[in-house]
Amino acid sequence: MPSYSVNERAVAKAHRLIESRQYVLDSDWGEAQPNADRENTYLKSHSWDEYGEWHLGLTEGPSEETKARYAFVYGDFRRLHRTGLIACVYRAAEWRHKQIEIAAHELLQLLDKKSA
């Protein structure tokens, strides 16, 4: 099973998105979550650093400029999705990636507080 560390740049970006109200509170994450084609399109006009800021986890091992390096996507490359954060919490908890779970949970709590 892969090991992950928290991507602090992604956490900071998520905070900025929440503060600037760039989020979706109710979405079908299965539809909103970027697929491989949307990831490739995004990477054509954005840097790997920008791509990485949409992922709460950094996979230990893969090199920086590969999709395998980034995990636990929380948005659609435009806005943060509440359902994306819920998916991150769930997946991280399921596979016992505690630090990712906590980071996603804290962001979810912040979002709920700000959007109430």
Protein backbone atom coordinates (compact mmCIF):
# COMPACT_ATOMS: atom_id res chain seq x y z
CA MET A 1 0.00 0.00 0.00
CA PRO A 2 1.39 3.44 -0.90
CA SER A 3 2.43 5.91 1.78
CA TYR A 4 1.31 9.52 1.65
CA SER A 5 2.25 12.79 3.26
CA VAL A 6 0.03 15.85 3.51
CA ASN A 7 0.50 18.30 0.67
CA GLU A 8 0.67 21.55 2.65
CA ARG A 9 0.47 23.64 -0.53
CA ALA A 10 -2.84 21.95 -1.37
CA VAL A 11 -4.15 22.59 2.13
CA ALA A 12 -3.20 26.27 1.78
CA LYS A 13 -4.91 26.50 -1.62
CA ALA A 14 -8.05 24.88 -0.21
CA HIS A 15 -8.04 27.47 2.59
CA ARG A 16 -7.79 30.27 0.01
CA LEU A 17 -10.62 28.78 -2.04
CA ILE A 18 -12.83 28.54 1.03
CA GLU A 19 -12.03 32.09 2.14
CA SER A 20 -12.80 33.45 -1.33
CA ARG A 21 -16.00 31.36 -1.59
CA GLN A 22 -14.73 29.38 -4.56
CA TYR A 23 -16.54 26.17 -3.68
CA VAL A 24 -19.49 23.97 -4.53
CA LEU A 25 -21.54 22.77 -1.58
CA ASP A 26 -23.69 20.16 -3.34
CA SER A 27 -22.35 18.18 -6.28
CA ASP A 28 -22.15 14.67 -7.61
CA TRP A 29 -18.47 13.98 -6.99
CA GLY A 30 -18.50 11.11 -9.47
CA GLU A 31 -19.35 13.64 -12.18
CA ALA A 32 -17.31 16.58 -10.87
CA GLN A 33 -14.08 14.70 -10.07
CA PRO A 34 -11.51 15.27 -12.82
CA ASN A 35 -10.95 12.25 -15.05
CA ALA A 36 -7.73 11.54 -16.96
CA ASP A 37 -8.78 13.67 -19.94
CA ARG A 38 -9.58 16.68 -17.75
CA GLU A 39 -6.29 16.24 -15.91
CA ASN A 40 -4.39 16.18 -19.21
CA THR A 41 -6.23 19.26 -20.47
CA TYR A 42 -5.42 21.10 -17.24
CA LEU A 43 -1.75 20.13 -17.46
CA LYS A 44 -1.49 21.54 -20.99
CA SER A 45 -1.93 25.07 -19.64
CA HIS A 46 -0.82 24.76 -15.99
CA SER A 47 2.33 23.73 -14.17
CA TRP A 48 2.81 20.55 -12.17
CA ASP A 49 2.92 22.73 -9.05
CA GLU A 50 -0.53 24.09 -9.87
CA TYR A 51 -1.80 20.57 -10.58
CA GLY A 52 -0.42 19.35 -7.27
CA GLU A 53 -2.24 22.06 -5.32
CA TRP A 54 -5.52 20.26 -6.09
CA HIS A 55 -4.38 17.09 -4.28
CA LEU A 56 -4.19 16.76 -0.49
CA GLY A 57 -1.76 13.84 -0.62
CA LEU A 58 1.77 13.38 -1.93
CA THR A 59 2.59 9.78 -2.75
CA GLU A 60 5.96 8.73 -1.37
CA GLY A 61 8.23 7.52 -4.17
CA PRO A 62 7.05 8.83 -7.55
CA SER A 63 8.86 11.84 -9.02
CA GLU A 64 7.33 15.32 -8.79
CA GLU A 65 6.16 15.69 -12.38
CA THR A 66 4.00 12.57 -12.59
CA LYS A 67 0.32 12.04 -11.85
CA ALA A 68 1.28 9.15 -9.58
CA ARG A 69 2.87 11.66 -7.20
CA TYR A 70 -0.48 13.29 -6.36
CA ALA A 71 -3.50 11.77 -4.60
CA PHE A 72 -6.74 12.77 -2.89
CA VAL A 73 -8.07 15.37 -5.33
CA TYR A 74 -10.63 17.70 -3.73
CA GLY A 75 -11.76 19.98 -6.55
CA ASP A 76 -12.46 20.29 -10.27
CA PHE A 77 -9.48 22.57 -11.07
CA ARG A 78 -11.73 25.63 -10.66
CA ARG A 79 -13.50 25.21 -7.33
CA LEU A 80 -13.27 23.14 -4.20
CA HIS A 81 -16.12 20.61 -3.84
CA ARG A 82 -17.57 19.69 -0.46
CA THR A 83 -18.22 16.20 -1.82
CA GLY A 84 -14.56 16.04 -2.88
CA LEU A 85 -13.46 16.70 0.69
CA ILE A 86 -15.92 14.09 1.96
CA ALA A 87 -14.46 11.59 -0.53
CA CYS A 88 -10.94 12.42 0.70
CA VAL A 89 -11.95 11.89 4.34
CA TYR A 90 -13.64 8.60 3.48
CA ARG A 91 -10.85 7.17 1.33
CA ALA A 92 -8.12 8.24 3.74
CA ALA A 93 -10.01 6.75 6.70
CA GLU A 94 -10.72 3.55 4.79
CA TRP A 95 -7.03 2.96 4.06
CA ARG A 96 -5.78 4.43 7.37
CA HIS A 97 -3.93 7.41 5.98
CA LYS A 98 -4.56 9.33 9.17
CA GLN A 99 -2.80 12.60 8.37
CA ILE A 100 -4.66 12.97 5.06
CA GLU A 101 -7.93 12.11 6.82
CA ILE A 102 -7.34 14.78 9.46
CA ALA A 103 -6.36 17.44 6.90
CA ALA A 104 -9.46 16.76 4.81
CA HIS A 105 -11.68 16.67 7.89
CA GLU A 106 -10.35 20.02 9.13
CA LEU A 107 -10.97 21.57 5.72
CA LEU A 108 -14.49 20.15 5.68
CA GLN A 109 -15.18 21.67 9.11
CA LEU A 110 -13.82 25.04 7.96
CA LEU A 111 -15.96 24.93 4.82
CA ASP A 112 -19.09 24.08 6.79
CA LYS A 113 -18.41 26.89 9.25
CA LYS A 114 -17.77 29.47 6.51
CA SER A 115 -20.75 28.44 4.40
CA ALA A 116 -23.28 28.22 7.25
